[in-house]
Amino acid sequence: MDVVAGEYGAKISDDGMFSLTNMLQVLASKEMFEGKISGEIKEVCAKKGCWLTMDLPNGDSMRVTFKDYGFFVPKNAQGYPVILEGKAVKVVTDVETLRHYAEDAGRTAEEIAKINKPKEEYTFEATGVLIQDKI
């Protein structure tokens, strides 16, 4: 089994973190949130680890990409606790991009074909990622 826990991208620490709830509150009134957050990795790009998703307390899911595609995370990192540093914004993702992400995640052709409208979602561009050991 590959080692998953570790630092990816810029070196970050676990101090000065904001809760996911706090990040959502900031994004409700501002265009961008900048800082450190923590959560659990829900899904990772099955092709090369070029993105991950996290569940948010409002029931939405947030896609995390990595600044300038400068680093990736292990493809088997689902379920690990994670600390991220970077910027979050709310965006509208077009159908073509949503289908691309679904393909990366290993969805079936039928599932991909059902994606037929843009989606408003939160995205986070991480400069650094600290994946912690499962407890």
Protein backbone atom coordinates (compact mmCIF):
# COMPACT_ATOMS: atom_id res chain seq x y z
CA MET A 1 0.00 0.00 0.00
CA ASP A 2 1.31 3.41 -0.92
CA VAL A 3 2.02 5.96 1.80
CA VAL A 4 -0.68 8.62 1.67
CA ALA A 5 -0.06 10.89 4.66
CA GLY A 6 2.37 13.69 3.98
CA GLU A 7 2.92 17.16 2.57
CA TYR A 8 2.14 18.06 -1.02
CA GLY A 9 2.85 21.43 -2.61
CA ALA A 10 3.92 24.30 -0.37
CA LYS A 11 4.83 23.47 3.23
CA ILE A 12 1.97 24.29 5.60
CA SER A 13 1.26 23.85 9.30
CA ASP A 14 -1.92 22.96 11.17
CA ASP A 15 -2.22 26.29 13.02
CA GLY A 16 -4.54 29.17 12.17
CA MET A 17 -7.22 27.06 10.51
CA PHE A 18 -10.76 28.18 9.74
CA SER A 19 -13.74 25.85 9.96
CA LEU A 20 -15.56 24.93 6.76
CA THR A 21 -18.62 26.68 8.21
CA ASN A 22 -16.57 29.87 8.64
CA MET A 23 -15.31 29.61 5.04
CA LEU A 24 -18.91 29.33 3.79
CA GLN A 25 -19.91 32.37 5.89
CA VAL A 26 -17.09 34.41 4.32
CA LEU A 27 -18.09 33.29 0.81
CA ALA A 28 -21.71 34.31 1.46
CA SER A 29 -20.63 37.96 1.59
CA LYS A 30 -17.30 38.06 -0.27
CA GLU A 31 -16.10 36.77 -3.62
CA MET A 32 -13.12 34.89 -2.19
CA PHE A 33 -11.95 33.15 0.98
CA GLU A 34 -8.23 32.86 1.59
CA GLY A 35 -6.74 30.75 4.36
CA LYS A 36 -6.40 27.25 5.82
CA ILE A 37 -9.22 24.76 6.25
CA SER A 38 -9.48 21.14 7.30
CA GLY A 39 -11.79 18.31 6.44
CA GLU A 40 -11.85 14.80 5.03
CA ILE A 41 -11.06 13.77 1.47
CA LYS A 42 -14.19 12.34 -0.13
CA GLU A 43 -12.95 11.52 -3.64
CA VAL A 44 -9.70 11.83 -5.63
CA CYS A 45 -9.13 12.00 -9.39
CA ALA A 46 -8.75 8.34 -10.36
CA LYS A 47 -6.46 9.14 -13.29
CA LYS A 48 -3.58 10.96 -11.60
CA GLY A 49 -4.64 12.60 -8.33
CA CYS A 50 -5.03 16.03 -9.95
CA TRP A 51 -8.06 17.03 -7.80
CA LEU A 52 -9.98 15.96 -4.72
CA THR A 53 -13.41 16.67 -3.26
CA MET A 54 -14.60 17.37 0.28
CA ASP A 55 -18.09 17.46 1.78
CA LEU A 56 -19.19 20.82 3.16
CA PRO A 57 -21.45 21.34 6.20
CA ASN A 58 -24.20 22.81 3.97
CA GLY A 59 -24.53 19.49 2.10
CA ASP A 60 -22.58 20.61 -0.97
CA SER A 61 -19.32 19.16 -2.15
CA MET A 62 -16.23 21.27 -2.91
CA ARG A 63 -13.66 20.46 -5.60
CA VAL A 64 -10.03 21.16 -4.71
CA THR A 65 -7.44 21.68 -7.43
CA PHE A 66 -3.74 22.38 -7.01
CA LYS A 67 -2.09 25.67 -7.93
CA ASP A 68 -0.70 25.60 -11.48
CA TYR A 69 -1.11 21.78 -11.47
CA GLY A 70 2.23 21.92 -9.68
CA PHE A 71 1.58 18.81 -7.58
CA PHE A 72 -0.87 15.95 -7.16
CA VAL A 73 -2.07 13.80 -4.25
CA PRO A 74 -2.16 9.99 -3.98
CA LYS A 75 -5.10 8.46 -5.84
CA ASN A 76 -5.93 6.32 -2.78
CA ALA A 77 -6.33 9.27 -0.36
CA GLN A 78 -10.13 8.94 0.06
CA GLY A 79 -11.20 9.09 3.70
CA TYR A 80 -8.02 10.74 4.99
CA PRO A 81 -8.13 13.92 7.10
CA VAL A 82 -6.61 16.86 5.24
CA ILE A 83 -5.49 20.44 5.81
CA LEU A 84 -5.53 22.77 2.81
CA GLU A 85 -4.14 26.25 2.34
CA GLY A 86 -5.25 28.42 -0.56
CA LYS A 87 -8.24 30.27 -1.98
CA ALA A 88 -11.91 29.33 -2.30
CA VAL A 89 -14.49 30.86 -4.64
CA LYS A 90 -18.02 30.09 -5.79
CA VAL A 91 -18.18 29.35 -9.51
CA VAL A 92 -20.50 28.01 -12.18
CA THR A 93 -18.94 24.92 -13.76
CA ASP A 94 -19.98 24.24 -17.37
CA VAL A 95 -21.34 20.89 -18.59
CA GLU A 96 -18.18 19.97 -20.52
CA THR A 97 -15.99 20.43 -17.43
CA LEU A 98 -18.44 18.53 -15.20
CA ARG A 99 -18.40 15.63 -17.68
CA HIS A 100 -14.58 15.72 -17.72
CA TYR A 101 -14.49 15.50 -13.91
CA ALA A 102 -16.99 12.62 -13.98
CA GLU A 103 -14.80 10.79 -16.49
CA ASP A 104 -11.72 11.40 -14.29
CA ALA A 105 -13.65 9.94 -11.36
CA GLY A 106 -14.35 6.74 -13.31
CA ARG A 107 -18.09 7.29 -13.83
CA THR A 108 -19.92 5.21 -16.43
CA ALA A 109 -20.89 6.58 -19.85
CA GLU A 110 -24.54 6.55 -18.73
CA GLU A 111 -23.75 8.63 -15.63
CA ILE A 112 -21.71 11.10 -17.68
CA ALA A 113 -24.49 11.44 -20.28
CA LYS A 114 -26.94 12.49 -17.54
CA ILE A 115 -24.87 15.62 -16.85
CA ASN A 116 -26.73 18.22 -18.90
CA LYS A 117 -26.67 21.51 -17.02
CA PRO A 118 -24.05 23.76 -15.42
CA LYS A 119 -23.58 23.55 -11.66
CA GLU A 120 -22.96 26.31 -9.14
CA GLU A 121 -20.31 25.04 -6.76
CA TYR A 122 -17.44 25.95 -4.47
CA THR A 123 -13.89 25.40 -5.64
CA PHE A 124 -10.64 25.64 -3.71
CA GLU A 125 -7.22 26.16 -5.28
CA ALA A 126 -4.66 24.78 -2.84
CA THR A 127 -1.08 25.97 -2.64
CA GLY A 128 -0.32 23.36 0.00
CA VAL A 129 -1.90 20.13 1.22
CA LEU A 130 -1.16 18.24 4.43
CA ILE A 131 -2.74 14.77 4.46
CA GLN A 132 -2.83 13.34 7.96
CA ASP A 133 -2.88 9.71 9.08
CA LYS A 134 -6.30 8.13 9.60
CA ILE A 135 -7.18 7.90 13.25
